[in-house]
Amino acid sequence: MNQEMKLAVLIDAENISTKYVDVILSEANNLGDVIYKRIYGNWTTPQMASWKTTILNNAIQPIQQYSNTTGKNSTDSALIIDAMDLLYKNTLDGFCIVSSDSDFTRLASRLRESQKYVLGMGESKTPRSFISACNKFLYLDVLLEEAENEAENTEPEVSEAKPATAGETVVPSPAVEEPVKSEKTSGKNFRTIRQALIKLTEENSDDNGWIFSGTLGNLLTKQFSDFDVRNFGYKKFVPFIESLDIFEVNTITDDKNKTVKHNYFKLKPVHRHHHAPSLRPRKRTNKP
């Protein structure tokens, strides 16, 4: 399905740095087929000169928008008008809106009302309103840091802030959530995600307490549009869940394709007390 999704990538150049372009296009291409690549700004100003080479190298169409009033971001209106024009053509399945500006909150909501998929991208400073309005939101600074760490041959499954300890289960350290401590509903907050996983499993597991990993992942993403395992230094969902040490894991080999594995999770007994105070401890579970 993702390979067939037709997308428009719309970038607010006045709120996004050129250093994120590779990450932006990589994530968009992973989601589907990028039909439109447009970037908005006042290209007559000196501060936009850094975009010239990047735009040419990536075949992004620049859209000129003059600043008619000092102190106003006029590119917002140009991007919004373009998005609505593309919406009414009805040839796209989704939109990728790249900005750290809350002014696009209503646009994201309107696109979703028309049953279009909305992928938001911006820095960690992006207001919660815009993040919540998207189907999915990715933090560009987090993804760029991950890419740079990979280039330096950093261990891919361990968070940079997590000191390596022999024999210890990899668990995201509290330092990962430090930038967003005040955002208790953030998909970057480790304790919030952990508690949500417990609650979602209790409410959606089968009679024996098991839940399919794909189902759990979808439920978590619907609740936190900015949840991404890469926020915590992981590549895939299952290793991240296993690292929490709150689930039993059952891996089943597909009957038709032996190379396909299906993972199911079940809360360990100590975590099965519905909505009891013990579900919200601030300390981690004991490690072996």
C-alpha atoms as a PDB file:
ATOM      1  CA  MET A   1       0.000   0.000   0.000  1.00  0.00           C
ATOM      2  CA  ASN A   2       2.783   2.444   0.956  1.00  0.00           C
ATOM      3  CA  GLN A   3       4.494   2.063  -2.428  1.00  0.00           C
ATOM      4  CA  GLU A   4       1.316   3.123  -4.195  1.00  0.00           C
ATOM      5  CA  MET A   5       0.593   6.147  -1.997  1.00  0.00           C
ATOM      6  CA  LYS A   6       0.966   9.364  -3.994  1.00  0.00           C
ATOM      7  CA  LEU A   7       2.394  12.239  -1.974  1.00  0.00           C
ATOM      8  CA  ALA A   8       3.123  15.944  -2.055  1.00  0.00           C
ATOM      9  CA  VAL A   9       6.084  17.227  -0.027  1.00  0.00           C
ATOM     10  CA  LEU A  10       5.584  20.867   0.962  1.00  0.00           C
ATOM     11  CA  ILE A  11       8.481  22.561   2.805  1.00  0.00           C
ATOM     12  CA  ASP A  12       8.390  25.829   4.725  1.00  0.00           C
ATOM     13  CA  ALA A  13      11.921  27.070   3.974  1.00  0.00           C
ATOM     14  CA  GLU A  14      11.717  29.872   6.532  1.00  0.00           C
ATOM     15  CA  ASN A  15      11.306  27.358   9.358  1.00  0.00           C
ATOM     16  CA  ILE A  16      13.445  24.450   8.176  1.00  0.00           C
ATOM     17  CA  SER A  17      17.214  24.185   7.686  1.00  0.00           C
ATOM     18  CA  THR A  18      18.847  22.842   4.527  1.00  0.00           C
ATOM     19  CA  LYS A  19      20.639  20.180   6.597  1.00  0.00           C
ATOM     20  CA  TYR A  20      17.398  18.206   6.920  1.00  0.00           C
ATOM     21  CA  VAL A  21      16.672  17.774   3.205  1.00  0.00           C
ATOM     22  CA  ASP A  22      18.119  14.273   2.883  1.00  0.00           C
ATOM     23  CA  VAL A  23      16.143  13.090   5.903  1.00  0.00           C
ATOM     24  CA  ILE A  24      12.931  14.711   4.635  1.00  0.00           C
ATOM     25  CA  LEU A  25      13.083  13.142   1.186  1.00  0.00           C
ATOM     26  CA  SER A  26      14.199   9.766   2.518  1.00  0.00           C
ATOM     27  CA  GLU A  27      11.240   9.523   4.908  1.00  0.00           C
ATOM     28  CA  ALA A  28       8.796  10.722   2.263  1.00  0.00           C
ATOM     29  CA  ASN A  29      10.073   8.222  -0.307  1.00  0.00           C
ATOM     30  CA  ASN A  30       9.772   5.431   2.245  1.00  0.00           C
ATOM     31  CA  LEU A  31       6.108   6.315   2.674  1.00  0.00           C
ATOM     32  CA  GLY A  32       5.200   6.329  -1.013  1.00  0.00           C
ATOM     33  CA  ASP A  33       5.659   7.940  -4.428  1.00  0.00           C
ATOM     34  CA  VAL A  34       6.520  11.641  -4.160  1.00  0.00           C
ATOM     35  CA  ILE A  35       4.688  13.402  -6.991  1.00  0.00           C
ATOM     36  CA  TYR A  36       5.201  17.014  -5.918  1.00  0.00           C
ATOM     37  CA  LYS A  37       8.243  18.521  -4.181  1.00  0.00           C
ATOM     38  CA  ARG A  38       7.726  22.196  -3.432  1.00  0.00           C
ATOM     39  CA  ILE A  39       9.479  24.633  -1.128  1.00  0.00           C
ATOM     40  CA  TYR A  40       8.164  28.046  -0.099  1.00  0.00           C
ATOM     41  CA  GLY A  41      10.034  31.226   0.797  1.00  0.00           C
ATOM     42  CA  ASN A  42      11.040  34.712  -0.193  1.00  0.00           C
ATOM     43  CA  TRP A  43      13.975  33.839  -2.420  1.00  0.00           C
ATOM     44  CA  THR A  44      14.974  37.508  -2.827  1.00  0.00           C
ATOM     45  CA  THR A  45      16.315  37.632   0.758  1.00  0.00           C
ATOM     46  CA  PRO A  46      19.991  36.831   1.520  1.00  0.00           C
ATOM     47  CA  GLN A  47      19.168  34.242   4.212  1.00  0.00           C
ATOM     48  CA  MET A  48      17.507  31.992   1.623  1.00  0.00           C
ATOM     49  CA  ALA A  49      20.625  31.786  -0.562  1.00  0.00           C
ATOM     50  CA  SER A  50      21.806  28.620   1.209  1.00  0.00           C
ATOM     51  CA  TRP A  51      18.884  26.732  -0.312  1.00  0.00           C
ATOM     52  CA  LYS A  52      19.889  27.282  -3.949  1.00  0.00           C
ATOM     53  CA  THR A  53      22.211  24.293  -4.398  1.00  0.00           C
ATOM     54  CA  THR A  54      20.001  22.011  -2.322  1.00  0.00           C
ATOM     55  CA  ILE A  55      16.936  22.850  -4.411  1.00  0.00           C
ATOM     56  CA  LEU A  56      18.760  22.197  -7.685  1.00  0.00           C
ATOM     57  CA  ASN A  57      20.349  18.928  -6.539  1.00  0.00           C
ATOM     58  CA  ASN A  58      17.027  17.500  -5.332  1.00  0.00           C
ATOM     59  CA  ALA A  59      14.741  18.822  -8.090  1.00  0.00           C
ATOM     60  CA  ILE A  60      12.548  20.709  -5.630  1.00  0.00           C
ATOM     61  CA  GLN A  61      10.316  23.404  -7.127  1.00  0.00           C
ATOM     62  CA  PRO A  62      10.788  26.760  -5.357  1.00  0.00           C
ATOM     63  CA  ILE A  63       7.660  28.860  -4.877  1.00  0.00           C
ATOM     64  CA  GLN A  64       8.279  32.581  -4.503  1.00  0.00           C
ATOM     65  CA  GLN A  65       6.325  34.471  -1.882  1.00  0.00           C
ATOM     66  CA  TYR A  66       7.200  38.085  -1.130  1.00  0.00           C
ATOM     67  CA  SER A  67       6.963  39.384   2.405  1.00  0.00           C
ATOM     68  CA  ASN A  68       4.345  42.073   2.116  1.00  0.00           C
ATOM     69  CA  THR A  69       4.433  42.947   5.810  1.00  0.00           C
ATOM     70  CA  THR A  70       7.468  43.110   8.071  1.00  0.00           C
ATOM     71  CA  GLY A  71       7.525  40.416  10.724  1.00  0.00           C
ATOM     72  CA  LYS A  72       4.929  38.222   9.014  1.00  0.00           C
ATOM     73  CA  ASN A  73       5.668  34.776   7.597  1.00  0.00           C
ATOM     74  CA  SER A  74       4.020  35.087   4.196  1.00  0.00           C
ATOM     75  CA  THR A  75       5.142  31.646   3.075  1.00  0.00           C
ATOM     76  CA  ASP A  76       2.493  30.081   5.323  1.00  0.00           C
ATOM     77  CA  SER A  77      -0.375  31.321   3.205  1.00  0.00           C
ATOM     78  CA  ALA A  78       1.324  30.302  -0.052  1.00  0.00           C
ATOM     79  CA  LEU A  79       1.911  26.757   1.211  1.00  0.00           C
ATOM     80  CA  ILE A  80      -1.653  26.456   2.514  1.00  0.00           C
ATOM     81  CA  ILE A  81      -3.192  27.685  -0.760  1.00  0.00           C
ATOM     82  CA  ASP A  82      -1.053  25.259  -2.756  1.00  0.00           C
ATOM     83  CA  ALA A  83      -2.003  22.385  -0.475  1.00  0.00           C
ATOM     84  CA  MET A  84      -5.699  23.093  -0.932  1.00  0.00           C
ATOM     85  CA  ASP A  85      -5.286  23.345  -4.708  1.00  0.00           C
ATOM     86  CA  LEU A  86      -3.584  19.943  -4.743  1.00  0.00           C
ATOM     87  CA  LEU A  87      -6.285  18.542  -2.473  1.00  0.00           C
ATOM     88  CA  TYR A  88      -9.048  19.541  -4.886  1.00  0.00           C
ATOM     89  CA  LYS A  89      -7.231  17.890  -7.790  1.00  0.00           C
ATOM     90  CA  ASN A  90      -7.936  14.659  -5.887  1.00  0.00           C
ATOM     91  CA  THR A  91      -4.907  12.861  -7.312  1.00  0.00           C
ATOM     92  CA  LEU A  92      -2.964  12.530  -4.038  1.00  0.00           C
ATOM     93  CA  ASP A  93      -3.257  10.120  -1.140  1.00  0.00           C
ATOM     94  CA  GLY A  94      -1.207  12.091   1.340  1.00  0.00           C
ATOM     95  CA  PHE A  95       0.723  15.244   2.183  1.00  0.00           C
ATOM     96  CA  CYS A  96       4.060  15.739   3.889  1.00  0.00           C
ATOM     97  CA  ILE A  97       4.107  19.139   5.582  1.00  0.00           C
ATOM     98  CA  VAL A  98       7.574  20.164   6.714  1.00  0.00           C
ATOM     99  CA  SER A  99       7.648  22.968   9.269  1.00  0.00           C
ATOM    100  CA  SER A 100       8.088  23.636  12.980  1.00  0.00           C
ATOM    101  CA  ASP A 101       5.310  26.237  12.829  1.00  0.00           C
ATOM    102  CA  SER A 102       1.946  25.761  14.541  1.00  0.00           C
ATOM    103  CA  ASP A 103       0.267  27.827  11.794  1.00  0.00           C
ATOM    104  CA  PHE A 104      -0.199  24.617   9.787  1.00  0.00           C
ATOM    105  CA  THR A 105      -2.322  22.936  12.439  1.00  0.00           C
ATOM    106  CA  ARG A 106      -5.617  23.787  10.738  1.00  0.00           C
ATOM    107  CA  LEU A 107      -4.267  22.746   7.347  1.00  0.00           C
ATOM    108  CA  ALA A 108      -3.295  19.308   8.673  1.00  0.00           C
ATOM    109  CA  SER A 109      -6.710  18.899  10.261  1.00  0.00           C
ATOM    110  CA  ARG A 110      -8.480  19.956   7.055  1.00  0.00           C
ATOM    111  CA  LEU A 111      -6.497  17.503   4.945  1.00  0.00           C
ATOM    112  CA  ARG A 112      -7.329  14.671   7.323  1.00  0.00           C
ATOM    113  CA  GLU A 113     -10.993  15.626   7.201  1.00  0.00           C
ATOM    114  CA  SER A 114     -10.733  14.930   3.465  1.00  0.00           C
ATOM    115  CA  GLN A 115      -9.322  11.492   4.320  1.00  0.00           C
ATOM    116  CA  LYS A 116      -5.803  12.336   3.240  1.00  0.00           C
ATOM    117  CA  TYR A 117      -2.804  10.982   5.133  1.00  0.00           C
ATOM    118  CA  VAL A 118      -0.722  13.740   6.736  1.00  0.00           C
ATOM    119  CA  LEU A 119       2.925  13.220   7.649  1.00  0.00           C
ATOM    120  CA  GLY A 120       4.360  16.139   9.599  1.00  0.00           C
ATOM    121  CA  MET A 121       8.068  16.835  10.004  1.00  0.00           C
ATOM    122  CA  GLY A 122       9.767  19.437  12.149  1.00  0.00           C
ATOM    123  CA  GLU A 123      12.192  19.969  14.997  1.00  0.00           C
ATOM    124  CA  SER A 124      11.542  18.992  18.603  1.00  0.00           C
ATOM    125  CA  LYS A 125      10.435  22.572  19.300  1.00  0.00           C
ATOM    126  CA  THR A 126       7.322  22.086  17.117  1.00  0.00           C
ATOM    127  CA  PRO A 127       4.135  23.020  19.045  1.00  0.00           C
ATOM    128  CA  ARG A 128       2.003  20.129  20.250  1.00  0.00           C
ATOM    129  CA  SER A 129      -1.036  21.392  18.314  1.00  0.00           C
ATOM    130  CA  PHE A 130       0.570  20.764  14.912  1.00  0.00           C
ATOM    131  CA  ILE A 131       2.011  17.419  15.997  1.00  0.00           C
ATOM    132  CA  SER A 132      -1.378  16.163  17.163  1.00  0.00           C
ATOM    133  CA  ALA A 133      -3.097  17.270  13.953  1.00  0.00           C
ATOM    134  CA  CYS A 134      -0.965  14.916  11.831  1.00  0.00           C
ATOM    135  CA  ASN A 135      -1.406  11.194  11.298  1.00  0.00           C
ATOM    136  CA  LYS A 136       2.295  10.818  11.951  1.00  0.00           C
ATOM    137  CA  PHE A 137       4.958  13.316  13.025  1.00  0.00           C
ATOM    138  CA  LEU A 138       8.723  12.884  12.783  1.00  0.00           C
ATOM    139  CA  TYR A 139      11.378  14.901  14.614  1.00  0.00           C
ATOM    140  CA  LEU A 140      13.976  15.936  12.063  1.00  0.00           C
ATOM    141  CA  ASP A 141      16.674  16.741  14.620  1.00  0.00           C
ATOM    142  CA  VAL A 142      16.320  13.259  16.136  1.00  0.00           C
ATOM    143  CA  LEU A 143      16.482  11.552  12.746  1.00  0.00           C
ATOM    144  CA  LEU A 144      19.460  13.638  11.629  1.00  0.00           C
ATOM    145  CA  GLU A 145      21.346  12.811  14.815  1.00  0.00           C
ATOM    146  CA  GLU A 146      20.644   9.129  14.238  1.00  0.00           C
ATOM    147  CA  ALA A 147      21.934   9.358  10.665  1.00  0.00           C
ATOM    148  CA  GLU A 148      25.098  11.121  11.826  1.00  0.00           C
ATOM    149  CA  ASN A 149      25.668   8.498  14.518  1.00  0.00           C
ATOM    150  CA  GLU A 150      25.350   5.748  11.935  1.00  0.00           C
ATOM    151  CA  ALA A 151      27.937   7.480   9.795  1.00  0.00           C
ATOM    152  CA  GLU A 152      30.295   7.371  12.764  1.00  0.00           C
ATOM    153  CA  ASN A 153      29.634   3.647  13.246  1.00  0.00           C
ATOM    154  CA  THR A 154      27.744   4.215  16.473  1.00  0.00           C
ATOM    155  CA  GLU A 155      26.013   1.140  17.921  1.00  0.00           C
ATOM    156  CA  PRO A 156      22.550   1.310  16.215  1.00  0.00           C
ATOM    157  CA  GLU A 157      20.469  -0.283  18.960  1.00  0.00           C
ATOM    158  CA  VAL A 158      21.690   1.789  21.901  1.00  0.00           C
ATOM    159  CA  SER A 159      20.582   5.309  22.703  1.00  0.00           C
ATOM    160  CA  GLU A 160      23.454   7.779  22.695  1.00  0.00           C
ATOM    161  CA  ALA A 161      22.519   8.901  26.181  1.00  0.00           C
ATOM    162  CA  LYS A 162      22.469   5.305  27.531  1.00  0.00           C
ATOM    163  CA  PRO A 163      25.840   4.180  28.991  1.00  0.00           C
ATOM    164  CA  ALA A 164      26.792   0.675  27.872  1.00  0.00           C
ATOM    165  CA  THR A 165      26.791  -1.914  30.651  1.00  0.00           C
ATOM    166  CA  ALA A 166      27.763  -5.514  30.017  1.00  0.00           C
ATOM    167  CA  GLY A 167      24.870  -7.939  30.398  1.00  0.00           C
ATOM    168  CA  GLU A 168      22.271  -5.241  30.945  1.00  0.00           C
ATOM    169  CA  THR A 169      19.077  -5.054  28.899  1.00  0.00           C
ATOM    170  CA  VAL A 170      19.094  -1.954  26.727  1.00  0.00           C
ATOM    171  CA  VAL A 171      16.607   0.562  28.149  1.00  0.00           C
ATOM    172  CA  PRO A 172      16.329   4.211  27.072  1.00  0.00           C
ATOM    173  CA  SER A 173      17.801   6.386  29.788  1.00  0.00           C
ATOM    174  CA  PRO A 174      15.871   9.252  31.402  1.00  0.00           C
ATOM    175  CA  ALA A 175      18.157  11.662  29.527  1.00  0.00           C
ATOM    176  CA  VAL A 176      16.303  10.856  26.312  1.00  0.00           C
ATOM    177  CA  GLU A 177      13.141  12.468  27.622  1.00  0.00           C
ATOM    178  CA  GLU A 178      14.837  15.490  29.163  1.00  0.00           C
ATOM    179  CA  PRO A 179      13.948  17.961  26.347  1.00  0.00           C
ATOM    180  CA  VAL A 180      10.246  17.184  26.650  1.00  0.00           C
ATOM    181  CA  LYS A 181       9.656  16.705  30.389  1.00  0.00           C
ATOM    182  CA  SER A 182       6.917  19.321  30.344  1.00  0.00           C
ATOM    183  CA  GLU A 183       5.100  17.546  27.494  1.00  0.00           C
ATOM    184  CA  LYS A 184       3.461  14.678  29.345  1.00  0.00           C
ATOM    185  CA  THR A 185       1.543  13.532  26.281  1.00  0.00           C
ATOM    186  CA  SER A 186       4.601  13.460  24.048  1.00  0.00           C
ATOM    187  CA  GLY A 187       5.585  10.406  22.035  1.00  0.00           C
ATOM    188  CA  LYS A 188       9.151  11.208  23.056  1.00  0.00           C
ATOM    189  CA  ASN A 189       8.440  10.782  26.768  1.00  0.00           C
ATOM    190  CA  PHE A 190       9.645   7.329  27.880  1.00  0.00           C
ATOM    191  CA  ARG A 191       7.427   6.970  30.950  1.00  0.00           C
ATOM    192  CA  THR A 192       4.347   8.134  29.068  1.00  0.00           C
ATOM    193  CA  ILE A 193       4.926   5.562  26.314  1.00  0.00           C
ATOM    194  CA  ARG A 194       5.568   2.784  28.828  1.00  0.00           C
ATOM    195  CA  GLN A 195       2.351   3.484  30.715  1.00  0.00           C
ATOM    196  CA  ALA A 196       0.372   3.737  27.468  1.00  0.00           C
ATOM    197  CA  LEU A 197       1.675   0.351  26.315  1.00  0.00           C
ATOM    198  CA  ILE A 198       0.489  -1.274  29.532  1.00  0.00           C
ATOM    199  CA  LYS A 199      -2.950   0.299  29.280  1.00  0.00           C
ATOM    200  CA  LEU A 200      -3.374  -0.475  25.564  1.00  0.00           C
ATOM    201  CA  THR A 201      -2.385  -4.098  26.113  1.00  0.00           C
ATOM    202  CA  GLU A 202      -4.857  -4.486  28.982  1.00  0.00           C
ATOM    203  CA  GLU A 203      -7.685  -3.043  26.928  1.00  0.00           C
ATOM    204  CA  ASN A 204      -7.004  -4.747  23.581  1.00  0.00           C
ATOM    205  CA  SER A 205      -5.419  -8.143  24.294  1.00  0.00           C
ATOM    206  CA  ASP A 206      -7.249 -11.437  23.743  1.00  0.00           C
ATOM    207  CA  ASP A 207      -8.742 -13.589  26.504  1.00  0.00           C
ATOM    208  CA  ASN A 208      -5.305 -15.018  27.286  1.00  0.00           C
ATOM    209  CA  GLY A 209      -3.681 -11.593  27.493  1.00  0.00           C
ATOM    210  CA  TRP A 210      -1.792 -11.715  24.169  1.00  0.00           C
ATOM    211  CA  ILE A 211      -1.682  -8.911  21.616  1.00  0.00           C
ATOM    212  CA  PHE A 212      -0.109  -8.903  18.143  1.00  0.00           C
ATOM    213  CA  SER A 213       2.893  -6.578  17.843  1.00  0.00           C
ATOM    214  CA  GLY A 214       1.466  -4.881  14.739  1.00  0.00           C
ATOM    215  CA  THR A 215      -1.815  -4.176  16.511  1.00  0.00           C
ATOM    216  CA  LEU A 216      -0.036  -2.718  19.528  1.00  0.00           C
ATOM    217  CA  GLY A 217       2.150  -0.533  17.309  1.00  0.00           C
ATOM    218  CA  ASN A 218      -0.827   0.825  15.383  1.00  0.00           C
ATOM    219  CA  LEU A 219      -2.744   1.616  18.566  1.00  0.00           C
ATOM    220  CA  LEU A 220       0.254   3.432  20.034  1.00  0.00           C
ATOM    221  CA  THR A 221       0.796   5.501  16.875  1.00  0.00           C
ATOM    222  CA  LYS A 222      -2.863   6.528  16.814  1.00  0.00           C
ATOM    223  CA  GLN A 223      -2.563   7.768  20.392  1.00  0.00           C
ATOM    224  CA  PHE A 224       0.821   9.482  19.916  1.00  0.00           C
ATOM    225  CA  SER A 225       1.340  10.787  16.380  1.00  0.00           C
ATOM    226  CA  ASP A 226       4.973  11.632  17.211  1.00  0.00           C
ATOM    227  CA  PHE A 227       5.903   8.189  18.541  1.00  0.00           C
ATOM    228  CA  ASP A 228       8.874   6.692  16.732  1.00  0.00           C
ATOM    229  CA  VAL A 229      11.218   4.045  18.149  1.00  0.00           C
ATOM    230  CA  ARG A 230      14.093   6.071  16.718  1.00  0.00           C
ATOM    231  CA  ASN A 231      13.297   8.711  19.345  1.00  0.00           C
ATOM    232  CA  PHE A 232      14.715   6.199  21.832  1.00  0.00           C
ATOM    233  CA  GLY A 233      17.637   4.920  19.789  1.00  0.00           C
ATOM    234  CA  TYR A 234      16.039   1.822  18.249  1.00  0.00           C
ATOM    235  CA  LYS A 235      15.548   0.690  14.663  1.00  0.00           C
ATOM    236  CA  LYS A 236      12.469  -1.487  15.015  1.00  0.00           C
ATOM    237  CA  PHE A 237       9.382  -1.741  17.205  1.00  0.00           C
ATOM    238  CA  VAL A 238       9.881  -5.268  18.575  1.00  0.00           C
ATOM    239  CA  PRO A 239      13.406  -4.732  20.013  1.00  0.00           C
ATOM    240  CA  PHE A 240      12.190  -1.529  21.664  1.00  0.00           C
ATOM    241  CA  ILE A 241       9.250  -3.339  23.282  1.00  0.00           C
ATOM    242  CA  GLU A 242      11.474  -6.201  24.431  1.00  0.00           C
ATOM    243  CA  SER A 243      13.875  -3.711  26.053  1.00  0.00           C
ATOM    244  CA  LEU A 244      11.142  -2.443  28.383  1.00  0.00           C
ATOM    245  CA  ASP A 245      11.185  -5.774  30.251  1.00  0.00           C
ATOM    246  CA  ILE A 246       7.452  -5.635  30.970  1.00  0.00           C
ATOM    247  CA  PHE A 247       6.268  -8.142  28.341  1.00  0.00           C
ATOM    248  CA  GLU A 248       6.477 -11.844  27.702  1.00  0.00           C
ATOM    249  CA  VAL A 249       7.224 -12.469  24.020  1.00  0.00           C
ATOM    250  CA  ASN A 250       5.894 -15.257  21.820  1.00  0.00           C
ATOM    251  CA  THR A 251       7.326 -15.508  18.301  1.00  0.00           C
ATOM    252  CA  ILE A 252       5.460 -17.696  15.814  1.00  0.00           C
ATOM    253  CA  THR A 253       6.786 -18.737  12.400  1.00  0.00           C
ATOM    254  CA  ASP A 254       4.360 -18.245   9.532  1.00  0.00           C
ATOM    255  CA  ASP A 255       2.984 -21.545   8.190  1.00  0.00           C
ATOM    256  CA  LYS A 256       3.269 -20.501   4.542  1.00  0.00           C
ATOM    257  CA  ASN A 257       6.478 -18.490   4.646  1.00  0.00           C
ATOM    258  CA  LYS A 258       9.070 -19.764   7.135  1.00  0.00           C
ATOM    259  CA  THR A 259      11.075 -16.557   6.868  1.00  0.00           C
ATOM    260  CA  VAL A 260       8.164 -14.521   8.297  1.00  0.00           C
ATOM    261  CA  LYS A 261       7.855 -14.226  12.079  1.00  0.00           C
ATOM    262  CA  HIS A 262       4.803 -13.002  13.998  1.00  0.00           C
ATOM    263  CA  ASN A 263       5.450 -11.510  17.435  1.00  0.00           C
ATOM    264  CA  TYR A 264       2.893 -11.429  20.244  1.00  0.00           C
ATOM    265  CA  PHE A 265       3.233  -9.684  23.599  1.00  0.00           C
ATOM    266  CA  LYS A 266       1.738 -10.399  27.002  1.00  0.00           C
ATOM    267  CA  LEU A 267       2.193  -8.335  30.141  1.00  0.00           C
ATOM    268  CA  LYS A 268       4.279  -9.974  32.837  1.00  0.00           C
ATOM    269  CA  PRO A 269       2.219 -10.803  35.971  1.00  0.00           C
ATOM    270  CA  VAL A 270       3.552  -7.873  37.990  1.00  0.00           C
ATOM    271  CA  HIS A 271       2.119  -5.445  35.406  1.00  0.00           C
ATOM    272  CA  ARG A 272      -1.344  -6.938  34.998  1.00  0.00           C
ATOM    273  CA  HIS A 273      -3.139  -5.038  37.764  1.00  0.00           C
ATOM    274  CA  HIS A 274      -5.627  -2.814  35.934  1.00  0.00           C
ATOM    275  CA  HIS A 275      -5.073   0.869  36.679  1.00  0.00           C
ATOM    276  CA  ALA A 276      -3.452   0.101  40.037  1.00  0.00           C
ATOM    277  CA  PRO A 277      -0.955   2.626  41.434  1.00  0.00           C
ATOM    278  CA  SER A 278       1.825   0.103  40.733  1.00  0.00           C
ATOM    279  CA  LEU A 279       1.362   0.758  37.018  1.00  0.00           C
ATOM    280  CA  ARG A 280       2.726   4.248  37.336  1.00  0.00           C
ATOM    281  CA  PRO A 281       6.047   3.889  39.185  1.00  0.00           C
ATOM    282  CA  ARG A 282       8.762   6.301  38.230  1.00  0.00           C
ATOM    283  CA  LYS A 283      11.476   3.716  38.800  1.00  0.00           C
ATOM    284  CA  ARG A 284      12.276   1.084  36.219  1.00  0.00           C
ATOM    285  CA  THR A 285      11.611  -2.625  36.603  1.00  0.00           C
ATOM    286  CA  ASN A 286      14.448  -4.737  37.985  1.00  0.00           C
ATOM    287  CA  LYS A 287      16.944  -5.900  35.402  1.00  0.00           C
ATOM    288  CA  PRO A 288      18.702  -9.285  35.406  1.00  0.00           C
END
